Amino acid sequence: VWFGEMPYHMERIYRALGRAELFVAIGTSGHVYPAAD
């Protein structure tokens, strides 16, 4: 995925986030969206 392109698997990711009871971020910068959200 290049700059300006939509990341893959976003529907599956948001479904999982909506059901998550524990979310863990490992080794991320927090600069890159949408992952930073």
Full PDB file with SEQRES, HELIX, SHEET, SSBOND, CRYST1, ORIGX, SCALE, CONECT and MASTER records, all heavy atoms in Angstrom:
SEQRES   1 A   37  VAL TRP PHE GLY GLU MET PRO TYR HIS MET GLU ARG ILE          
SEQRES   2 A   37  TYR ARG ALA LEU GLY ARG ALA GLU LEU PHE VAL ALA ILE          
SEQRES   3 A   37  GLY THR SER GLY HIS VAL TYR PRO ALA ALA ASP                  
HELIX    1 AA1 MET A   10  ARG A   19  1                                  10    
CRYST1    1.000    1.000    1.000  90.00  90.00  90.00 P 1           1          
ORIGX1      1.000000  0.000000  0.000000        0.00000                         
ORIGX2      0.000000  1.000000  0.000000        0.00000                         
ORIGX3      0.000000  0.000000  1.000000        0.00000                         
SCALE1      1.000000  0.000000  0.000000        0.00000                         
SCALE2      0.000000  1.000000  0.000000        0.00000                         
SCALE3      0.000000  0.000000  1.000000        0.00000                         
ATOM      1  N   VAL A   1       0.855  -1.188   0.000  1.00  0.00           N  
ATOM      2  CA  VAL A   1       0.000   0.000   0.000  1.00  0.00           C  
ATOM      3  C   VAL A   1       0.886   1.232   0.000  1.00  0.00           C  
ATOM      4  O   VAL A   1       1.679   1.453   0.926  1.00  0.00           O  
ATOM      5  CB  VAL A   1      -0.930   0.001   1.231  1.00  0.00           C  
ATOM      6  CG1 VAL A   1      -1.741   1.292   1.290  1.00  0.00           C  
ATOM      7  CG2 VAL A   1      -1.867  -1.209   1.183  1.00  0.00           C  
ATOM      8  N   TRP A   2       0.751   2.046  -1.030  1.00  0.00           N  
ATOM      9  CA  TRP A   2       1.547   3.262  -1.155  1.00  0.00           C  
ATOM     10  C   TRP A   2       0.797   4.460  -0.583  1.00  0.00           C  
ATOM     11  O   TRP A   2      -0.406   4.393  -0.320  1.00  0.00           O  
ATOM     12  CB  TRP A   2       1.895   3.492  -2.624  1.00  0.00           C  
ATOM     13  CG  TRP A   2       2.943   2.567  -3.144  1.00  0.00           C  
ATOM     14  CD1 TRP A   2       3.969   2.014  -2.432  1.00  0.00           C  
ATOM     15  CD2 TRP A   2       3.085   2.065  -4.478  1.00  0.00           C  
ATOM     16  NE1 TRP A   2       4.742   1.212  -3.238  1.00  0.00           N  
ATOM     17  CE2 TRP A   2       4.224   1.231  -4.495  1.00  0.00           C  
ATOM     18  CE3 TRP A   2       2.366   2.249  -5.666  1.00  0.00           C  
ATOM     19  CZ2 TRP A   2       4.655   0.581  -5.653  1.00  0.00           C  
ATOM     20  CZ3 TRP A   2       2.796   1.605  -6.813  1.00  0.00           C  
ATOM     21  CH2 TRP A   2       3.930   0.777  -6.809  1.00  0.00           C  
ATOM     22  N   PHE A   3       1.510   5.545  -0.408  1.00  0.00           N  
ATOM     23  CA  PHE A   3       0.902   6.780   0.059  1.00  0.00           C  
ATOM     24  C   PHE A   3      -0.247   7.168  -0.876  1.00  0.00           C  
ATOM     25  O   PHE A   3      -0.101   7.156  -2.093  1.00  0.00           O  
ATOM     26  CB  PHE A   3       1.939   7.902   0.100  1.00  0.00           C  
ATOM     27  CG  PHE A   3       2.953   7.756   1.208  1.00  0.00           C  
ATOM     28  CD1 PHE A   3       4.111   7.020   1.023  1.00  0.00           C  
ATOM     29  CD2 PHE A   3       2.728   8.348   2.440  1.00  0.00           C  
ATOM     30  CE1 PHE A   3       5.040   6.884   2.034  1.00  0.00           C  
ATOM     31  CE2 PHE A   3       3.667   8.222   3.471  1.00  0.00           C  
ATOM     32  CZ  PHE A   3       4.814   7.486   3.259  1.00  0.00           C  
ATOM     33  N   GLY A   4      -1.378   7.492  -0.283  1.00  0.00           N  
ATOM     34  CA  GLY A   4      -2.548   7.860  -1.063  1.00  0.00           C  
ATOM     35  C   GLY A   4      -3.463   6.699  -1.385  1.00  0.00           C  
ATOM     36  O   GLY A   4      -4.544   6.922  -1.947  1.00  0.00           O  
ATOM     37  N   GLU A   5      -3.061   5.470  -1.030  1.00  0.00           N  
ATOM     38  CA  GLU A   5      -3.890   4.289  -1.296  1.00  0.00           C  
ATOM     39  C   GLU A   5      -4.556   3.812  -0.010  1.00  0.00           C  
ATOM     40  O   GLU A   5      -4.048   4.022   1.089  1.00  0.00           O  
ATOM     41  CB  GLU A   5      -3.045   3.172  -1.910  1.00  0.00           C  
ATOM     42  CG  GLU A   5      -2.488   3.523  -3.271  1.00  0.00           C  
ATOM     43  CD  GLU A   5      -1.699   2.392  -3.897  1.00  0.00           C  
ATOM     44  OE1 GLU A   5      -1.013   1.652  -3.161  1.00  0.00           O  
ATOM     45  OE2 GLU A   5      -1.755   2.254  -5.134  1.00  0.00           O  
ATOM     46  N   MET A   6      -5.688   3.138  -0.170  1.00  0.00           N  
ATOM     47  CA  MET A   6      -6.429   2.632   0.977  1.00  0.00           C  
ATOM     48  C   MET A   6      -5.804   1.338   1.498  1.00  0.00           C  
ATOM     49  O   MET A   6      -5.553   0.422   0.719  1.00  0.00           O  
ATOM     50  CB  MET A   6      -7.885   2.353   0.574  1.00  0.00           C  
ATOM     51  CG  MET A   6      -8.738   1.800   1.710  1.00  0.00           C  
ATOM     52  SD  MET A   6      -8.921   2.937   3.100  1.00  0.00           S  
ATOM     53  CE  MET A   6      -9.907   4.234   2.347  1.00  0.00           C  
ATOM     54  N   PRO A   7      -5.529   1.255   2.801  1.00  0.00           N  
ATOM     55  CA  PRO A   7      -5.025  -0.005   3.357  1.00  0.00           C  
ATOM     56  C   PRO A   7      -5.998  -1.156   3.123  1.00  0.00           C  
ATOM     57  O   PRO A   7      -7.193  -0.946   2.912  1.00  0.00           O  
ATOM     58  CB  PRO A   7      -4.876   0.312   4.852  1.00  0.00           C  
ATOM     59  CG  PRO A   7      -4.684   1.794   4.900  1.00  0.00           C  
ATOM     60  CD  PRO A   7      -5.563   2.333   3.798  1.00  0.00           C  
ATOM     61  N   TYR A   8      -5.471  -2.361   3.195  1.00  0.00           N  
ATOM     62  CA  TYR A   8      -6.255  -3.571   2.963  1.00  0.00           C  
ATOM     63  C   TYR A   8      -7.020  -3.985   4.233  1.00  0.00           C  
ATOM     64  O   TYR A   8      -6.632  -3.645   5.345  1.00  0.00           O  
ATOM     65  CB  TYR A   8      -5.345  -4.724   2.553  1.00  0.00           C  
ATOM     66  CG  TYR A   8      -4.587  -4.518   1.267  1.00  0.00           C  
ATOM     67  CD1 TYR A   8      -3.394  -5.192   1.033  1.00  0.00           C  
ATOM     68  CD2 TYR A   8      -5.052  -3.671   0.264  1.00  0.00           C  
ATOM     69  CE1 TYR A   8      -2.688  -5.039  -0.151  1.00  0.00           C  
ATOM     70  CE2 TYR A   8      -4.366  -3.499  -0.916  1.00  0.00           C  
ATOM     71  CZ  TYR A   8      -3.171  -4.188  -1.119  1.00  0.00           C  
ATOM     72  OH  TYR A   8      -2.480  -4.025  -2.287  1.00  0.00           O  
ATOM     73  N   HIS A   9      -8.083  -4.759   4.030  1.00  0.00           N  
ATOM     74  CA  HIS A   9      -8.799  -5.487   5.091  1.00  0.00           C  
ATOM     75  C   HIS A   9      -9.488  -4.565   6.103  1.00  0.00           C  
ATOM     76  O   HIS A   9      -9.747  -4.977   7.235  1.00  0.00           O  
ATOM     77  CB  HIS A   9      -7.849  -6.429   5.849  1.00  0.00           C  
ATOM     78  CG  HIS A   9      -7.022  -7.304   4.982  1.00  0.00           C  
ATOM     79  ND1 HIS A   9      -7.554  -8.299   4.192  1.00  0.00           N  
ATOM     80  CD2 HIS A   9      -5.673  -7.312   4.757  1.00  0.00           C  
ATOM     81  CE1 HIS A   9      -6.581  -8.898   3.537  1.00  0.00           C  
ATOM     82  NE2 HIS A   9      -5.444  -8.319   3.851  1.00  0.00           N  
ATOM     83  N   MET A  10      -9.811  -3.333   5.705  1.00  0.00           N  
ATOM     84  CA  MET A  10     -10.319  -2.389   6.692  1.00  0.00           C  
ATOM     85  C   MET A  10     -11.668  -2.806   7.282  1.00  0.00           C  
ATOM     86  O   MET A  10     -11.923  -2.595   8.473  1.00  0.00           O  
ATOM     87  CB  MET A  10     -10.413  -0.991   6.076  1.00  0.00           C  
ATOM     88  CG  MET A  10      -9.052  -0.389   5.722  1.00  0.00           C  
ATOM     89  SD  MET A  10      -7.884  -0.427   7.108  1.00  0.00           S  
ATOM     90  CE  MET A  10      -8.719   0.613   8.288  1.00  0.00           C  
ATOM     91  N   GLU A  11     -12.550  -3.399   6.490  1.00  0.00           N  
ATOM     92  CA  GLU A  11     -13.841  -3.829   7.039  1.00  0.00           C  
ATOM     93  C   GLU A  11     -13.651  -4.890   8.125  1.00  0.00           C  
ATOM     94  O   GLU A  11     -14.264  -4.818   9.190  1.00  0.00           O  
ATOM     95  CB  GLU A  11     -14.736  -4.364   5.918  1.00  0.00           C  
ATOM     96  CG  GLU A  11     -15.264  -3.300   4.971  1.00  0.00           C  
ATOM     97  CD  GLU A  11     -16.273  -3.856   4.000  1.00  0.00           C  
ATOM     98  OE1 GLU A  11     -16.686  -5.030   4.157  1.00  0.00           O  
ATOM     99  OE2 GLU A  11     -16.674  -3.121   3.073  1.00  0.00           O  
ATOM    100  N   ARG A  12     -12.772  -5.851   7.844  1.00  0.00           N  
ATOM    101  CA  ARG A  12     -12.517  -6.904   8.836  1.00  0.00           C  
ATOM    102  C   ARG A  12     -11.876  -6.303  10.088  1.00  0.00           C  
ATOM    103  O   ARG A  12     -12.215  -6.680  11.222  1.00  0.00           O  
ATOM    104  CB  ARG A  12     -11.605  -7.973   8.238  1.00  0.00           C  
ATOM    105  CG  ARG A  12     -11.292  -9.110   9.190  1.00  0.00           C  
ATOM    106  CD  ARG A  12     -10.419 -10.164   8.543  1.00  0.00           C  
ATOM    107  NE  ARG A  12     -10.089 -11.218   9.485  1.00  0.00           N  
ATOM    108  CZ  ARG A  12      -9.249 -12.223   9.238  1.00  0.00           C  
ATOM    109  NH1 ARG A  12      -8.660 -12.300   8.032  1.00  0.00           N  
ATOM    110  NH2 ARG A  12      -8.985 -13.129  10.149  1.00  0.00           N  
ATOM    111  N   ILE A  13     -10.960  -5.361   9.900  1.00  0.00           N  
ATOM    112  CA  ILE A  13     -10.275  -4.733  11.029  1.00  0.00           C  
ATOM    113  C   ILE A  13     -11.257  -3.988  11.914  1.00  0.00           C  
ATOM    114  O   ILE A  13     -11.259  -4.142  13.147  1.00  0.00           O  
ATOM    115  CB  ILE A  13      -9.158  -3.805  10.518  1.00  0.00           C  
ATOM    116  CG1 ILE A  13      -7.997  -4.637   9.950  1.00  0.00           C  
ATOM    117  CG2 ILE A  13      -8.665  -2.880  11.638  1.00  0.00           C  
ATOM    118  CD1 ILE A  13      -6.966  -3.824   9.186  1.00  0.00           C  
ATOM    119  N   TYR A  14     -12.120  -3.179  11.313  1.00  0.00           N  
ATOM    120  CA  TYR A  14     -13.057  -2.402  12.123  1.00  0.00           C  
ATOM    121  C   TYR A  14     -14.094  -3.289  12.806  1.00  0.00           C  
ATOM    122  O   TYR A  14     -14.545  -2.982  13.923  1.00  0.00           O  
ATOM    123  CB  TYR A  14     -13.717  -1.313  11.279  1.00  0.00           C  
ATOM    124  CG  TYR A  14     -12.817  -0.116  11.066  1.00  0.00           C  
ATOM    125  CD1 TYR A  14     -12.435   0.279   9.792  1.00  0.00           C  
ATOM    126  CD2 TYR A  14     -12.345   0.618  12.150  1.00  0.00           C  
ATOM    127  CE1 TYR A  14     -11.608   1.371   9.597  1.00  0.00           C  
ATOM    128  CE2 TYR A  14     -11.517   1.709  11.968  1.00  0.00           C  
ATOM    129  CZ  TYR A  14     -11.150   2.086  10.695  1.00  0.00           C  
ATOM    130  OH  TYR A  14     -10.327   3.166  10.527  1.00  0.00           O  
ATOM    131  N   ARG A  15     -14.465  -4.378  12.167  1.00  0.00           N  
ATOM    132  CA  ARG A  15     -15.371  -5.327  12.839  1.00  0.00           C  
ATOM    133  C   ARG A  15     -14.709  -5.893  14.090  1.00  0.00           C  
ATOM    134  O   ARG A  15     -15.333  -5.993  15.151  1.00  0.00           O  
ATOM    135  CB  ARG A  15     -15.764  -6.462  11.891  1.00  0.00           C  
ATOM    136  CG  ARG A  15     -16.822  -6.099  10.863  1.00  0.00           C  
ATOM    137  CD  ARG A  15     -17.478  -7.339  10.293  1.00  0.00           C  
ATOM    138  NE  ARG A  15     -16.500  -8.264   9.716  1.00  0.00           N  
ATOM    139  CZ  ARG A  15     -16.101  -8.239   8.447  1.00  0.00           C  
ATOM    140  NH1 ARG A  15     -16.585  -7.326   7.619  1.00  0.00           N  
ATOM    141  NH2 ARG A  15     -15.230  -9.114   7.997  1.00  0.00           N  
ATOM    142  N   ALA A  16     -13.444  -6.274  13.946  1.00  0.00           N  
ATOM    143  CA  ALA A  16     -12.724  -6.846  15.091  1.00  0.00           C  
ATOM    144  C   ALA A  16     -12.541  -5.809  16.196  1.00  0.00           C  
ATOM    145  O   ALA A  16     -12.711  -6.116  17.386  1.00  0.00           O  
ATOM    146  CB  ALA A  16     -11.372  -7.385  14.634  1.00  0.00           C  
ATOM    147  N   LEU A  17     -12.202  -4.582  15.829  1.00  0.00           N  
ATOM    148  CA  LEU A  17     -12.045  -3.529  16.834  1.00  0.00           C  
ATOM    149  C   LEU A  17     -13.353  -3.258  17.570  1.00  0.00           C  
ATOM    150  O   LEU A  17     -13.351  -2.982  18.774  1.00  0.00           O  
ATOM    151  CB  LEU A  17     -11.541  -2.250  16.171  1.00  0.00           C  
ATOM    152  CG  LEU A  17     -10.095  -2.254  15.662  1.00  0.00           C  
ATOM    153  CD1 LEU A  17      -9.833  -1.028  14.806  1.00  0.00           C  
ATOM    154  CD2 LEU A  17      -9.100  -2.329  16.820  1.00  0.00           C  
ATOM    155  N   GLY A  18     -14.449  -3.352  16.858  1.00  0.00           N  
ATOM    156  CA  GLY A  18     -15.746  -3.115  17.473  1.00  0.00           C  
ATOM    157  C   GLY A  18     -16.148  -4.181  18.478  1.00  0.00           C  
ATOM    158  O   GLY A  18     -17.036  -3.941  19.302  1.00  0.00           O  
ATOM    159  N   ARG A  19     -15.524  -5.349  18.420  1.00  0.00           N  
ATOM    160  CA  ARG A  19     -15.818  -6.435  19.356  1.00  0.00           C  
ATOM    161  C   ARG A  19     -14.710  -6.639  20.391  1.00  0.00           C  
ATOM    162  O   ARG A  19     -14.836  -7.483  21.287  1.00  0.00           O  
ATOM    163  CB  ARG A  19     -16.034  -7.744  18.592  1.00  0.00           C  
ATOM    164  CG  ARG A  19     -17.230  -7.749  17.665  1.00  0.00           C  
ATOM    165  CD  ARG A  19     -17.566  -9.152  17.221  1.00  0.00           C  
ATOM    166  NE  ARG A  19     -16.486  -9.745  16.427  1.00  0.00           N  
ATOM    167  CZ  ARG A  19     -16.435  -9.740  15.100  1.00  0.00           C  
ATOM    168  NH1 ARG A  19     -17.389  -9.136  14.405  1.00  0.00           N  
ATOM    169  NH2 ARG A  19     -15.437 -10.314  14.457  1.00  0.00           N  
ATOM    170  N   ALA A  20     -13.617  -5.915  20.251  1.00  0.00           N  
ATOM    171  CA  ALA A  20     -12.434  -6.177  21.083  1.00  0.00           C  
ATOM    172  C   ALA A  20     -12.684  -5.849  22.551  1.00  0.00           C  
ATOM    173  O   ALA A  20     -13.295  -4.833  22.880  1.00  0.00           O  
ATOM    174  CB  ALA A  20     -11.252  -5.368  20.573  1.00  0.00           C  
ATOM    175  N   GLU A  21     -12.209  -6.718  23.406  1.00  0.00           N  
ATOM    176  CA  GLU A  21     -12.171  -6.432  24.841  1.00  0.00           C  
ATOM    177  C   GLU A  21     -10.758  -6.051  25.276  1.00  0.00           C  
ATOM    178  O   GLU A  21     -10.588  -5.452  26.339  1.00  0.00           O  
ATOM    179  CB  GLU A  21     -12.673  -7.635  25.632  1.00  0.00           C  
ATOM    180  CG  GLU A  21     -14.142  -7.925  25.388  1.00  0.00           C  
ATOM    181  CD  GLU A  21     -14.680  -9.014  26.292  1.00  0.00           C  
ATOM    182  OE1 GLU A  21     -13.909  -9.528  27.138  1.00  0.00           O  
ATOM    183  OE2 GLU A  21     -15.863  -9.366  26.151  1.00  0.00           O  
ATOM    184  N   LEU A  22      -9.766  -6.400  24.465  1.00  0.00           N  
ATOM    185  CA  LEU A  22      -8.386  -6.008  24.724  1.00  0.00           C  
ATOM    186  C   LEU A  22      -7.739  -5.629  23.396  1.00  0.00           C  
ATOM    187  O   LEU A  22      -7.802  -6.387  22.428  1.00  0.00           O  
ATOM    188  CB  LEU A  22      -7.604  -7.166  25.366  1.00  0.00           C  
ATOM    189  CG  LEU A  22      -6.104  -6.917  25.600  1.00  0.00           C  
ATOM    190  CD1 LEU A  22      -5.884  -5.770  26.584  1.00  0.00           C  
ATOM    191  CD2 LEU A  22      -5.423  -8.189  26.108  1.00  0.00           C  
ATOM    192  N   PHE A  23      -7.154  -4.443  23.346  1.00  0.00           N  
ATOM    193  CA  PHE A  23      -6.421  -3.976  22.170  1.00  0.00           C  
ATOM    194  C   PHE A  23      -4.998  -3.662  22.591  1.00  0.00           C  
ATOM    195  O   PHE A  23      -4.767  -2.926  23.556  1.00  0.00           O  
ATOM    196  CB  PHE A  23      -7.077  -2.733  21.570  1.00  0.00           C  
ATOM    197  CG  PHE A  23      -6.270  -2.109  20.461  1.00  0.00           C  
ATOM    198  CD1 PHE A  23      -6.209  -2.705  19.205  1.00  0.00           C  
ATOM    199  CD2 PHE A  23      -5.551  -0.942  20.675  1.00  0.00           C  
ATOM    200  CE1 PHE A  23      -5.450  -2.146  18.188  1.00  0.00           C  
ATOM    201  CE2 PHE A  23      -4.808  -0.363  19.663  1.00  0.00           C  
ATOM    202  CZ  PHE A  23      -4.751  -0.970  18.417  1.00  0.00           C  
ATOM    203  N   VAL A  24      -4.042  -4.234  21.853  1.00  0.00           N  
ATOM    204  CA  VAL A  24      -2.630  -4.055  22.171  1.00  0.00           C  
ATOM    205  C   VAL A  24      -1.906  -3.573  20.920  1.00  0.00           C  
ATOM    206  O   VAL A  24      -2.017  -4.192  19.856  1.00  0.00           O  
ATOM    207  CB  VAL A  24      -1.990  -5.379  22.661  1.00  0.00           C  
ATOM    208  CG1 VAL A  24      -0.555  -5.131  23.127  1.00  0.00           C  
ATOM    209  CG2 VAL A  24      -2.815  -6.003  23.772  1.00  0.00           C  
ATOM    210  N   ALA A  25      -1.183  -2.464  21.048  1.00  0.00           N  
ATOM    211  CA  ALA A  25      -0.352  -1.956  19.949  1.00  0.00           C  
ATOM    212  C   ALA A  25       1.108  -2.170  20.316  1.00  0.00           C  
ATOM    213  O   ALA A  25       1.542  -1.803  21.412  1.00  0.00           O  
ATOM    214  CB  ALA A  25      -0.627  -0.477  19.696  1.00  0.00           C  
ATOM    215  N   ILE A  26       1.859  -2.747  19.375  1.00  0.00           N  
ATOM    216  CA  ILE A  26       3.251  -3.121  19.644  1.00  0.00           C  
ATOM    217  C   ILE A  26       4.155  -2.531  18.578  1.00  0.00           C  
ATOM    218  O   ILE A  26       3.978  -2.786  17.386  1.00  0.00           O  
ATOM    219  CB  ILE A  26       3.407  -4.659  19.652  1.00  0.00           C  
ATOM    220  CG1 ILE A  26       2.488  -5.291  20.692  1.00  0.00           C  
ATOM    221  CG2 ILE A  26       4.868  -5.051  19.904  1.00  0.00           C  
ATOM    222  CD1 ILE A  26       2.414  -6.811  20.601  1.00  0.00           C  
ATOM    223  N   GLY A  27       5.115  -1.732  18.999  1.00  0.00           N  
ATOM    224  CA  GLY A  27       6.125  -1.233  18.084  1.00  0.00           C  
ATOM    225  C   GLY A  27       5.613  -0.311  17.006  1.00  0.00           C  
ATOM    226  O   GLY A  27       6.148  -0.279  15.902  1.00  0.00           O  
ATOM    227  N   THR A  28       4.587   0.470  17.327  1.00  0.00           N  
ATOM    228  CA  THR A  28       4.017   1.378  16.336  1.00  0.00           C  
ATOM    229  C   THR A  28       4.400   2.816  16.662  1.00  0.00           C  
ATOM    230  O   THR A  28       4.555   3.183  17.836  1.00  0.00           O  
ATOM    231  CB  THR A  28       2.487   1.271  16.285  1.00  0.00           C  
ATOM    232  OG1 THR A  28       1.951   1.634  17.565  1.00  0.00           O  
ATOM    233  CG2 THR A  28       2.061  -0.152  15.949  1.00  0.00           C  
ATOM    234  N   SER A  29       4.500   3.642  15.634  1.00  0.00           N  
ATOM    235  CA  SER A  29       4.920   5.030  15.821  1.00  0.00           C  
ATOM    236  C   SER A  29       3.759   5.952  16.190  1.00  0.00           C  
ATOM    237  O   SER A  29       3.963   7.006  16.789  1.00  0.00           O  
ATOM    238  CB  SER A  29       5.577   5.554  14.545  1.00  0.00           C  
ATOM    239  OG  SER A  29       4.615   5.651  13.496  1.00  0.00           O  
ATOM    240  N   GLY A  30       2.551   5.562  15.787  1.00  0.00           N  
ATOM    241  CA  GLY A  30       1.403   6.434  15.983  1.00  0.00           C  
ATOM    242  C   GLY A  30       1.308   7.554  14.973  1.00  0.00           C  
ATOM    243  O   GLY A  30       0.479   8.445  15.091  1.00  0.00           O  
ATOM    244  N   HIS A  31       2.161   7.490  13.937  1.00  0.00           N  
ATOM    245  CA  HIS A  31       2.152   8.518  12.895  1.00  0.00           C  
ATOM    246  C   HIS A  31       1.235   8.173  11.728  1.00  0.00           C  
ATOM    247  O   HIS A  31       0.834   9.060  10.981  1.00  0.00           O  
ATOM    248  CB  HIS A  31       3.569   8.709  12.317  1.00  0.00           C  
ATOM    249  CG  HIS A  31       4.521   9.379  13.253  1.00  0.00           C  
ATOM    250  ND1 HIS A  31       5.766   8.863  13.551  1.00  0.00           N  
ATOM    251  CD2 HIS A  31       4.413  10.517  13.965  1.00  0.00           C  
ATOM    252  CE1 HIS A  31       6.381   9.657  14.400  1.00  0.00           C  
ATOM    253  NE2 HIS A  31       5.582  10.671  14.674  1.00  0.00           N  
ATOM    254  N   VAL A  32       0.972   6.888  11.530  1.00  0.00           N  
ATOM    255  CA  VAL A  32       0.344   6.418  10.302  1.00  0.00           C  
ATOM    256  C   VAL A  32      -1.148   6.185  10.514  1.00  0.00           C  
ATOM    257  O   VAL A  32      -1.547   5.421  11.392  1.00  0.00           O  
ATOM    258  CB  VAL A  32       1.015   5.115   9.807  1.00  0.00           C  
ATOM    259  CG1 VAL A  32       0.399   4.675   8.483  1.00  0.00           C  
ATOM    260  CG2 VAL A  32       2.517   5.319   9.646  1.00  0.00           C  
ATOM    261  N   TYR A  33      -1.937   6.847   9.717  1.00  0.00           N  
ATOM    262  CA  TYR A  33      -3.387   6.665   9.765  1.00  0.00           C  
ATOM    263  C   TYR A  33      -3.815   5.779   8.598  1.00  0.00           C  
ATOM    264  O   TYR A  33      -3.170   5.784   7.560  1.00  0.00           O  
ATOM    265  CB  TYR A  33      -4.086   8.041   9.703  1.00  0.00           C  
ATOM    266  CG  TYR A  33      -3.921   8.816  10.978  1.00  0.00           C  
ATOM    267  CD1 TYR A  33      -2.778   9.570  11.203  1.00  0.00           C  
ATOM    268  CD2 TYR A  33      -4.879   8.755  11.979  1.00  0.00           C  
ATOM    269  CE1 TYR A  33      -2.598  10.262  12.399  1.00  0.00           C  
ATOM    270  CE2 TYR A  33      -4.717   9.452  13.177  1.00  0.00           C  
ATOM    271  CZ  TYR A  33      -3.571  10.203  13.371  1.00  0.00           C  
ATOM    272  OH  TYR A  33      -3.405  10.877  14.554  1.00  0.00           O  
ATOM    273  N   PRO A  34      -4.856   4.965   8.778  1.00  0.00           N  
ATOM    274  CA  PRO A  34      -5.815   4.971   9.896  1.00  0.00           C  
ATOM    275  C   PRO A  34      -5.393   4.173  11.124  1.00  0.00           C  
ATOM    276  O   PRO A  34      -6.098   4.195  12.126  1.00  0.00           O  
ATOM    277  CB  PRO A  34      -7.058   4.351   9.262  1.00  0.00           C  
ATOM    278  CG  PRO A  34      -6.514   3.404   8.249  1.00  0.00           C  
ATOM    279  CD  PRO A  34      -5.288   4.071   7.673  1.00  0.00           C  
ATOM    280  N   ALA A  35      -4.254   3.482  11.083  1.00  0.00           N  
ATOM    281  CA  ALA A  35      -3.872   2.636  12.221  1.00  0.00           C  
ATOM    282  C   ALA A  35      -3.743   3.424  13.513  1.00  0.00           C  
ATOM    283  O   ALA A  35      -4.041   2.906  14.601  1.00  0.00           O  
ATOM    284  CB  ALA A  35      -2.565   1.908  11.911  1.00  0.00           C  
ATOM    285  N   ALA A  36      -3.327   4.684  13.417  1.00  0.00           N  
ATOM    286  CA  ALA A  36      -3.168   5.489  14.621  1.00  0.00           C  
ATOM    287  C   ALA A  36      -4.496   5.730  15.334  1.00  0.00           C  
ATOM    288  O   ALA A  36      -4.511   6.054  16.530  1.00  0.00           O  
ATOM    289  CB  ALA A  36      -2.504   6.818  14.265  1.00  0.00           C  
ATOM    290  N   ASP A  37      -5.589   5.561  14.633  1.00  0.00           N  
ATOM    291  CA  ASP A  37      -6.917   5.750  15.242  1.00  0.00           C  
ATOM    292  C   ASP A  37      -7.498   4.470  15.838  1.00  0.00           C  
ATOM    293  O   ASP A  37      -8.567   4.508  16.454  1.00  0.00           O  
ATOM    294  CB  ASP A  37      -7.901   6.275  14.188  1.00  0.00           C  
ATOM    295  CG  ASP A  37      -7.813   7.789  14.016  1.00  0.00           C  
ATOM    296  OD1 ASP A  37      -7.368   8.470  14.956  1.00  0.00           O  
ATOM    297  OD2 ASP A  37      -8.193   8.265  12.939  1.00  0.00           O  
TER     298      ASP A  37                                                      
MASTER        0    0    0    1    0    0    0    6  297    1    0    3          
END                                                                             
